[in-house]
Amino acid sequence: MNKSKVLIISPHPDDELFALPHARQLESIGSLITVLFITATPKRSREAIRSCNTLGWDYLFANDLGFVFHDGYMHKEFINLKLLFESIFNDYDHILSPVIEGGHQDHDTVGVACLRLSNKFKDSNFIFYPLYTATKFLGFFSVMSANKYSLDLFNMRYLQSKQKPILTLYLMFVVYKSQLRSWIFLLLPFIYRIISNQKPIFFTKKYTKDLTQAEIINSLSSSPFYKIRCSQSSWIKSLS
């Protein structure tokens, strides 16, 4: 029997760590994992390769496939992002994409592209994983939390598998040293979720019909956290 193939879309090296519980559950039934990194500097590319080698996963980089994207500006290259996805999605049974959560414009851009393409690739199972969600309250982050930003678009589900905190912490602080400040910021919420034994969350799309860009954007419930770096109007204009 052929093993199912899973593609994790990681907008930046280290984002794949948030999909770890979801990928591990698929691995437990014999799936093969590949990570597609959309952006990467030389240093972060080396860290990404080390991360995948540690996890026993294959990896791809968008620039090796002829596509170049820039950290923080993926929305301005939205057409090429969709072209990249369309060129490889047929090769995979499961697509793991960041959910649209208002935490980082690149994560949301990937989420919109995958949501728009999900009906075109009906043979693929689309799973949307949270990274860090910007809540409505003062824009604070809630790590791997319920997503209140786009609940009109997705159904929230709970994984039965548990976190592997030791492995995750190793990848955070030993492999991805370049992102040390981010990990320190996210450490306490991460540990709280482990201690409180909260199950990992994932999302599935709520609608089977094709959603237009306008329908997706109009379903978002509040202003995103990233508006301090990228205006929401600029992000919407680029995607439209």
C-alpha atoms as a PDB file:
ATOM      1  CA  MET A   1       0.000   0.000   0.000  1.00  0.00           C
ATOM      2  CA  ASN A   2       1.300   3.474  -0.880  1.00  0.00           C
ATOM      3  CA  LYS A   3       1.833   5.719   2.119  1.00  0.00           C
ATOM      4  CA  SER A   4      -0.065   8.997   2.180  1.00  0.00           C
ATOM      5  CA  LYS A   5       1.979  12.125   1.603  1.00  0.00           C
ATOM      6  CA  VAL A   6       1.703  15.219   3.773  1.00  0.00           C
ATOM      7  CA  LEU A   7       2.836  18.743   2.878  1.00  0.00           C
ATOM      8  CA  ILE A   8       3.348  21.214   5.727  1.00  0.00           C
ATOM      9  CA  ILE A   9       3.459  24.785   4.455  1.00  0.00           C
ATOM     10  CA  SER A  10       5.828  26.809   6.617  1.00  0.00           C
ATOM     11  CA  PRO A  11       5.883  30.508   5.676  1.00  0.00           C
ATOM     12  CA  HIS A  12       9.161  30.904   7.588  1.00  0.00           C
ATOM     13  CA  PRO A  13      11.626  28.388   9.026  1.00  0.00           C
ATOM     14  CA  ASP A  14      10.383  27.452  12.533  1.00  0.00           C
ATOM     15  CA  ASP A  15       6.674  27.768  11.682  1.00  0.00           C
ATOM     16  CA  GLU A  16       6.632  24.014  11.052  1.00  0.00           C
ATOM     17  CA  LEU A  17       7.071  23.496  14.806  1.00  0.00           C
ATOM     18  CA  PHE A  18       3.484  24.606  15.372  1.00  0.00           C
ATOM     19  CA  ALA A  19       2.288  21.815  13.054  1.00  0.00           C
ATOM     20  CA  LEU A  20       4.300  19.191  14.924  1.00  0.00           C
ATOM     21  CA  PRO A  21       1.389  17.578  16.857  1.00  0.00           C
ATOM     22  CA  HIS A  22      -0.688  17.372  13.679  1.00  0.00           C
ATOM     23  CA  ALA A  23       2.154  15.882  11.646  1.00  0.00           C
ATOM     24  CA  ARG A  24       2.992  13.366  14.374  1.00  0.00           C
ATOM     25  CA  GLN A  25      -0.592  12.111  14.379  1.00  0.00           C
ATOM     26  CA  LEU A  26      -0.443  11.603  10.601  1.00  0.00           C
ATOM     27  CA  GLU A  27       2.964   9.913  10.930  1.00  0.00           C
ATOM     28  CA  SER A  28       1.449   7.463  13.403  1.00  0.00           C
ATOM     29  CA  ILE A  29      -0.698   6.086  10.572  1.00  0.00           C
ATOM     30  CA  GLY A  30       2.238   5.846   8.196  1.00  0.00           C
ATOM     31  CA  SER A  31       2.214   9.204   6.421  1.00  0.00           C
ATOM     32  CA  LEU A  32       5.349  10.732   4.903  1.00  0.00           C
ATOM     33  CA  ILE A  33       6.007  14.368   5.801  1.00  0.00           C
ATOM     34  CA  THR A  34       7.504  17.129   3.636  1.00  0.00           C
ATOM     35  CA  VAL A  35       7.861  20.771   4.695  1.00  0.00           C
ATOM     36  CA  LEU A  36       7.675  23.566   2.135  1.00  0.00           C
ATOM     37  CA  PHE A  37       9.506  26.673   3.369  1.00  0.00           C
ATOM     38  CA  ILE A  38       8.277  29.785   1.566  1.00  0.00           C
ATOM     39  CA  THR A  39      10.936  32.262   2.760  1.00  0.00           C
ATOM     40  CA  ALA A  40      14.369  31.653   4.248  1.00  0.00           C
ATOM     41  CA  THR A  41      17.667  33.467   4.709  1.00  0.00           C
ATOM     42  CA  PRO A  42      20.823  31.334   4.375  1.00  0.00           C
ATOM     43  CA  LYS A  43      21.111  31.049   8.167  1.00  0.00           C
ATOM     44  CA  ARG A  44      17.476  30.130   8.689  1.00  0.00           C
ATOM     45  CA  SER A  45      17.671  27.685   5.772  1.00  0.00           C
ATOM     46  CA  ARG A  46      20.407  25.801   7.609  1.00  0.00           C
ATOM     47  CA  GLU A  47      18.288  25.765  10.759  1.00  0.00           C
ATOM     48  CA  ALA A  48      15.275  24.535   8.766  1.00  0.00           C
ATOM     49  CA  ILE A  49      17.269  21.662   7.283  1.00  0.00           C
ATOM     50  CA  ARG A  50      18.546  20.708  10.733  1.00  0.00           C
ATOM     51  CA  SER A  51      14.983  20.805  12.085  1.00  0.00           C
ATOM     52  CA  CYS A  52      13.720  18.508   9.326  1.00  0.00           C
ATOM     53  CA  ASN A  53      16.667  16.133   9.739  1.00  0.00           C
ATOM     54  CA  THR A  54      15.922  15.926  13.472  1.00  0.00           C
ATOM     55  CA  LEU A  55      12.279  15.130  12.763  1.00  0.00           C
ATOM     56  CA  GLY A  56      13.003  12.747   9.898  1.00  0.00           C
ATOM     57  CA  TRP A  57      11.069  14.893   7.410  1.00  0.00           C
ATOM     58  CA  ASP A  58      11.800  15.863   3.824  1.00  0.00           C
ATOM     59  CA  TYR A  59      11.964  19.538   2.899  1.00  0.00           C
ATOM     60  CA  LEU A  60      11.531  21.902  -0.035  1.00  0.00           C
ATOM     61  CA  PHE A  61      12.381  25.590  -0.428  1.00  0.00           C
ATOM     62  CA  ALA A  62      10.304  27.847  -2.667  1.00  0.00           C
ATOM     63  CA  ASN A  63      13.395  29.448  -4.184  1.00  0.00           C
ATOM     64  CA  ASP A  64      14.657  26.016  -5.274  1.00  0.00           C
ATOM     65  CA  LEU A  65      11.380  25.622  -7.179  1.00  0.00           C
ATOM     66  CA  GLY A  66      11.857  28.924  -9.010  1.00  0.00           C
ATOM     67  CA  PHE A  67       9.774  31.162  -6.711  1.00  0.00           C
ATOM     68  CA  VAL A  68      11.189  33.977  -4.589  1.00  0.00           C
ATOM     69  CA  PHE A  69       9.199  35.496  -1.732  1.00  0.00           C
ATOM     70  CA  HIS A  70      10.120  38.101   0.879  1.00  0.00           C
ATOM     71  CA  ASP A  71       9.493  37.889   4.603  1.00  0.00           C
ATOM     72  CA  GLY A  72       6.620  40.185   5.557  1.00  0.00           C
ATOM     73  CA  TYR A  73       5.609  40.909   1.958  1.00  0.00           C
ATOM     74  CA  MET A  74       4.130  37.622   0.812  1.00  0.00           C
ATOM     75  CA  HIS A  75       0.770  39.307   0.230  1.00  0.00           C
ATOM     76  CA  LYS A  76       2.348  41.439  -2.490  1.00  0.00           C
ATOM     77  CA  GLU A  77       3.335  38.230  -4.290  1.00  0.00           C
ATOM     78  CA  PHE A  78      -0.012  36.506  -3.813  1.00  0.00           C
ATOM     79  CA  ILE A  79      -0.442  35.452  -7.457  1.00  0.00           C
ATOM     80  CA  ASN A  80       2.941  33.719  -7.507  1.00  0.00           C
ATOM     81  CA  LEU A  81       2.173  32.073  -4.175  1.00  0.00           C
ATOM     82  CA  LYS A  82      -0.961  30.497  -5.648  1.00  0.00           C
ATOM     83  CA  LEU A  83       1.016  29.426  -8.737  1.00  0.00           C
ATOM     84  CA  LEU A  84       3.569  27.702  -6.495  1.00  0.00           C
ATOM     85  CA  PHE A  85       0.853  25.837  -4.618  1.00  0.00           C
ATOM     86  CA  GLU A  86      -0.961  24.856  -7.801  1.00  0.00           C
ATOM     87  CA  SER A  87       2.269  23.369  -9.165  1.00  0.00           C
ATOM     88  CA  ILE A  88       2.736  20.903  -6.277  1.00  0.00           C
ATOM     89  CA  PHE A  89      -0.538  20.298  -4.421  1.00  0.00           C
ATOM     90  CA  ASN A  90      -1.528  17.383  -6.654  1.00  0.00           C
ATOM     91  CA  ASP A  91       1.432  15.435  -5.255  1.00  0.00           C
ATOM     92  CA  TYR A  92       0.080  15.387  -1.684  1.00  0.00           C
ATOM     93  CA  ASP A  93      -2.838  13.754   0.111  1.00  0.00           C
ATOM     94  CA  HIS A  94      -2.836  16.151   3.071  1.00  0.00           C
ATOM     95  CA  ILE A  95      -2.019  19.868   3.063  1.00  0.00           C
ATOM     96  CA  LEU A  96      -1.237  21.513   6.418  1.00  0.00           C
ATOM     97  CA  SER A  97      -1.551  25.292   6.181  1.00  0.00           C
ATOM     98  CA  PRO A  98      -1.448  28.087   8.743  1.00  0.00           C
ATOM     99  CA  VAL A  99      -4.961  29.152   9.666  1.00  0.00           C
ATOM    100  CA  ILE A 100      -6.058  32.746   9.086  1.00  0.00           C
ATOM    101  CA  GLU A 101      -5.548  34.150  12.582  1.00  0.00           C
ATOM    102  CA  GLY A 102      -4.473  37.796  12.478  1.00  0.00           C
ATOM    103  CA  GLY A 103      -1.061  37.127  14.015  1.00  0.00           C
ATOM    104  CA  HIS A 104       1.317  37.592  11.046  1.00  0.00           C
ATOM    105  CA  GLN A 105       0.469  38.775   7.549  1.00  0.00           C
ATOM    106  CA  ASP A 106       2.509  36.005   5.875  1.00  0.00           C
ATOM    107  CA  HIS A 107       0.684  33.287   7.806  1.00  0.00           C
ATOM    108  CA  ASP A 108      -2.664  34.780   6.855  1.00  0.00           C
ATOM    109  CA  THR A 109      -1.638  35.155   3.212  1.00  0.00           C
ATOM    110  CA  VAL A 110      -0.794  31.456   3.000  1.00  0.00           C
ATOM    111  CA  GLY A 111      -4.046  30.603   4.781  1.00  0.00           C
ATOM    112  CA  VAL A 112      -6.109  32.619   2.301  1.00  0.00           C
ATOM    113  CA  ALA A 113      -4.323  31.028  -0.679  1.00  0.00           C
ATOM    114  CA  CYS A 114      -4.944  27.508   0.652  1.00  0.00           C
ATOM    115  CA  LEU A 115      -8.556  28.230   1.511  1.00  0.00           C
ATOM    116  CA  ARG A 116      -9.116  29.594  -2.013  1.00  0.00           C
ATOM    117  CA  LEU A 117      -7.474  26.518  -3.599  1.00  0.00           C
ATOM    118  CA  SER A 118      -8.990  23.860  -1.345  1.00  0.00           C
ATOM    119  CA  ASN A 119     -11.977  23.208  -3.607  1.00  0.00           C
ATOM    120  CA  LYS A 120      -9.765  23.010  -6.690  1.00  0.00           C
ATOM    121  CA  PHE A 121      -7.759  20.180  -5.105  1.00  0.00           C
ATOM    122  CA  LYS A 122     -10.644  18.057  -3.873  1.00  0.00           C
ATOM    123  CA  ASP A 123      -8.491  14.931  -3.543  1.00  0.00           C
ATOM    124  CA  SER A 124      -6.345  16.613  -0.897  1.00  0.00           C
ATOM    125  CA  ASN A 125      -7.356  16.931   2.756  1.00  0.00           C
ATOM    126  CA  PHE A 126      -6.729  20.502   3.952  1.00  0.00           C
ATOM    127  CA  ILE A 127      -5.888  20.967   7.627  1.00  0.00           C
ATOM    128  CA  PHE A 128      -5.277  24.431   9.076  1.00  0.00           C
ATOM    129  CA  TYR A 129      -2.994  24.722  12.088  1.00  0.00           C
ATOM    130  CA  PRO A 130      -2.643  27.689  14.488  1.00  0.00           C
ATOM    131  CA  LEU A 131       0.653  29.406  15.160  1.00  0.00           C
ATOM    132  CA  TYR A 132       0.020  32.268  17.543  1.00  0.00           C
ATOM    133  CA  THR A 133      -3.366  33.871  17.530  1.00  0.00           C
ATOM    134  CA  ALA A 134      -3.982  37.573  18.049  1.00  0.00           C
ATOM    135  CA  THR A 135      -6.936  37.832  20.395  1.00  0.00           C
ATOM    136  CA  LYS A 136      -9.420  40.689  20.433  1.00  0.00           C
ATOM    137  CA  PHE A 137      -8.226  41.849  23.841  1.00  0.00           C
ATOM    138  CA  LEU A 138      -5.524  44.488  23.289  1.00  0.00           C
ATOM    139  CA  GLY A 139      -4.018  42.389  20.490  1.00  0.00           C
ATOM    140  CA  PHE A 140      -2.198  40.086  22.914  1.00  0.00           C
ATOM    141  CA  PHE A 141      -0.974  36.732  21.682  1.00  0.00           C
ATOM    142  CA  SER A 142      -2.430  33.435  22.795  1.00  0.00           C
ATOM    143  CA  VAL A 143      -0.186  30.562  21.765  1.00  0.00           C
ATOM    144  CA  MET A 144      -1.862  27.698  19.910  1.00  0.00           C
ATOM    145  CA  SER A 145      -5.214  28.925  21.157  1.00  0.00           C
ATOM    146  CA  ALA A 146      -8.768  28.989  19.929  1.00  0.00           C
ATOM    147  CA  ASN A 147      -8.930  31.244  16.894  1.00  0.00           C
ATOM    148  CA  LYS A 148     -11.479  34.035  17.241  1.00  0.00           C
ATOM    149  CA  TYR A 149     -10.311  35.952  14.175  1.00  0.00           C
ATOM    150  CA  SER A 150     -11.837  33.744  11.463  1.00  0.00           C
ATOM    151  CA  LEU A 151     -14.272  31.398  13.197  1.00  0.00           C
ATOM    152  CA  ASP A 152     -16.856  32.188  10.516  1.00  0.00           C
ATOM    153  CA  LEU A 153     -14.567  30.411   8.028  1.00  0.00           C
ATOM    154  CA  PHE A 154     -13.344  27.398  10.029  1.00  0.00           C
ATOM    155  CA  ASN A 155     -14.491  24.676  12.375  1.00  0.00           C
ATOM    156  CA  MET A 156     -12.248  24.101  15.386  1.00  0.00           C
ATOM    157  CA  ARG A 157     -11.212  20.548  16.253  1.00  0.00           C
ATOM    158  CA  TYR A 158      -9.042  18.900  18.930  1.00  0.00           C
ATOM    159  CA  LEU A 159      -6.266  16.402  18.289  1.00  0.00           C
ATOM    160  CA  GLN A 160      -6.087  13.247  20.347  1.00  0.00           C
ATOM    161  CA  SER A 161      -2.283  13.223  20.256  1.00  0.00           C
ATOM    162  CA  LYS A 162      -0.390  15.202  22.895  1.00  0.00           C
ATOM    163  CA  GLN A 163       2.420  17.705  22.656  1.00  0.00           C
ATOM    164  CA  LYS A 164       6.015  16.481  22.843  1.00  0.00           C
ATOM    165  CA  PRO A 165       7.406  19.377  24.866  1.00  0.00           C
ATOM    166  CA  ILE A 166      11.012  18.180  25.210  1.00  0.00           C
ATOM    167  CA  LEU A 167      11.437  17.754  21.462  1.00  0.00           C
ATOM    168  CA  THR A 168       9.682  21.047  20.741  1.00  0.00           C
ATOM    169  CA  LEU A 169      11.806  22.942  23.264  1.00  0.00           C
ATOM    170  CA  TYR A 170      14.963  21.404  21.764  1.00  0.00           C
ATOM    171  CA  LEU A 171      13.946  22.584  18.304  1.00  0.00           C
ATOM    172  CA  MET A 172      13.055  26.025  19.640  1.00  0.00           C
ATOM    173  CA  PHE A 173      16.155  26.791  21.665  1.00  0.00           C
ATOM    174  CA  VAL A 174      18.875  24.583  20.172  1.00  0.00           C
ATOM    175  CA  VAL A 175      18.021  24.333  16.479  1.00  0.00           C
ATOM    176  CA  TYR A 176      16.363  27.709  15.901  1.00  0.00           C
ATOM    177  CA  LYS A 177      18.758  29.855  17.925  1.00  0.00           C
ATOM    178  CA  SER A 178      18.289  32.787  15.549  1.00  0.00           C
ATOM    179  CA  GLN A 179      14.721  33.185  16.847  1.00  0.00           C
ATOM    180  CA  LEU A 180      15.634  33.151  20.531  1.00  0.00           C
ATOM    181  CA  ARG A 181      13.767  36.354  21.412  1.00  0.00           C
ATOM    182  CA  SER A 182      10.563  35.042  19.872  1.00  0.00           C
ATOM    183  CA  TRP A 183      10.822  31.761  21.776  1.00  0.00           C
ATOM    184  CA  ILE A 184      11.374  33.535  25.079  1.00  0.00           C
ATOM    185  CA  PHE A 185       8.242  35.589  24.394  1.00  0.00           C
ATOM    186  CA  LEU A 186       6.211  32.474  23.594  1.00  0.00           C
ATOM    187  CA  LEU A 187       7.694  30.178  26.241  1.00  0.00           C
ATOM    188  CA  LEU A 188       5.360  30.859  29.184  1.00  0.00           C
ATOM    189  CA  PRO A 189       2.110  30.434  27.203  1.00  0.00           C
ATOM    190  CA  PHE A 190       3.536  27.265  25.667  1.00  0.00           C
ATOM    191  CA  ILE A 191       4.450  25.802  29.072  1.00  0.00           C
ATOM    192  CA  TYR A 192       1.038  26.783  30.466  1.00  0.00           C
ATOM    193  CA  ARG A 193      -0.706  24.804  27.727  1.00  0.00           C
ATOM    194  CA  ILE A 194       1.472  21.771  28.481  1.00  0.00           C
ATOM    195  CA  ILE A 195       0.930  21.920  32.263  1.00  0.00           C
ATOM    196  CA  SER A 196      -2.809  22.445  31.863  1.00  0.00           C
ATOM    197  CA  ASN A 197      -2.872  19.427  29.502  1.00  0.00           C
ATOM    198  CA  GLN A 198      -4.693  21.280  26.757  1.00  0.00           C
ATOM    199  CA  LYS A 199      -5.132  19.285  23.582  1.00  0.00           C
ATOM    200  CA  PRO A 200      -3.643  20.681  20.364  1.00  0.00           C
ATOM    201  CA  ILE A 201      -6.114  22.481  18.121  1.00  0.00           C
ATOM    202  CA  PHE A 202      -6.585  22.368  14.388  1.00  0.00           C
ATOM    203  CA  PHE A 203      -9.155  23.768  11.982  1.00  0.00           C
ATOM    204  CA  THR A 204     -11.122  22.534   8.987  1.00  0.00           C
ATOM    205  CA  LYS A 205     -12.889  24.759   6.492  1.00  0.00           C
ATOM    206  CA  LYS A 206     -16.534  25.434   7.277  1.00  0.00           C
ATOM    207  CA  TYR A 207     -17.845  25.752   3.721  1.00  0.00           C
ATOM    208  CA  THR A 208     -17.617  23.371   0.770  1.00  0.00           C
ATOM    209  CA  LYS A 209     -18.448  26.121  -1.735  1.00  0.00           C
ATOM    210  CA  ASP A 210     -15.799  28.309  -3.342  1.00  0.00           C
ATOM    211  CA  LEU A 211     -15.264  31.483  -1.338  1.00  0.00           C
ATOM    212  CA  THR A 212     -14.182  34.670  -3.052  1.00  0.00           C
ATOM    213  CA  GLN A 213     -11.427  36.838  -1.636  1.00  0.00           C
ATOM    214  CA  ALA A 214     -14.053  39.379  -0.607  1.00  0.00           C
ATOM    215  CA  GLU A 215     -16.133  36.754   1.234  1.00  0.00           C
ATOM    216  CA  ILE A 216     -13.063  35.581   3.136  1.00  0.00           C
ATOM    217  CA  ILE A 217     -11.977  39.081   4.108  1.00  0.00           C
ATOM    218  CA  ASN A 218     -15.503  40.140   5.120  1.00  0.00           C
ATOM    219  CA  SER A 219     -15.672  37.145   7.475  1.00  0.00           C
ATOM    220  CA  LEU A 220     -12.718  38.321   9.586  1.00  0.00           C
ATOM    221  CA  SER A 221     -13.905  39.532  12.962  1.00  0.00           C
ATOM    222  CA  SER A 222     -11.402  42.177  14.075  1.00  0.00           C
ATOM    223  CA  SER A 223      -8.249  44.095  13.227  1.00  0.00           C
ATOM    224  CA  PRO A 224      -5.106  41.935  13.025  1.00  0.00           C
ATOM    225  CA  PHE A 225      -2.112  42.263  15.305  1.00  0.00           C
ATOM    226  CA  TYR A 226       0.201  42.782  12.332  1.00  0.00           C
ATOM    227  CA  LYS A 227      -1.403  46.115  11.446  1.00  0.00           C
ATOM    228  CA  ILE A 228       1.489  47.768  13.304  1.00  0.00           C
ATOM    229  CA  ARG A 229       3.853  46.490  10.582  1.00  0.00           C
ATOM    230  CA  CYS A 230       1.559  46.043   7.597  1.00  0.00           C
ATOM    231  CA  SER A 231      -1.693  47.932   7.306  1.00  0.00           C
ATOM    232  CA  GLN A 232      -4.774  45.790   6.993  1.00  0.00           C
ATOM    233  CA  SER A 233      -5.903  47.860   3.995  1.00  0.00           C
ATOM    234  CA  SER A 234      -2.600  47.214   2.208  1.00  0.00           C
ATOM    235  CA  TRP A 235      -2.886  43.488   2.876  1.00  0.00           C
ATOM    236  CA  ILE A 236      -6.477  43.380   1.600  1.00  0.00           C
ATOM    237  CA  LYS A 237      -5.618  45.428  -1.499  1.00  0.00           C
ATOM    238  CA  SER A 238      -2.744  43.094  -2.409  1.00  0.00           C
ATOM    239  CA  LEU A 239      -4.898  39.990  -2.080  1.00  0.00           C
ATOM    240  CA  SER A 240      -7.667  41.540  -4.158  1.00  0.00           C
END
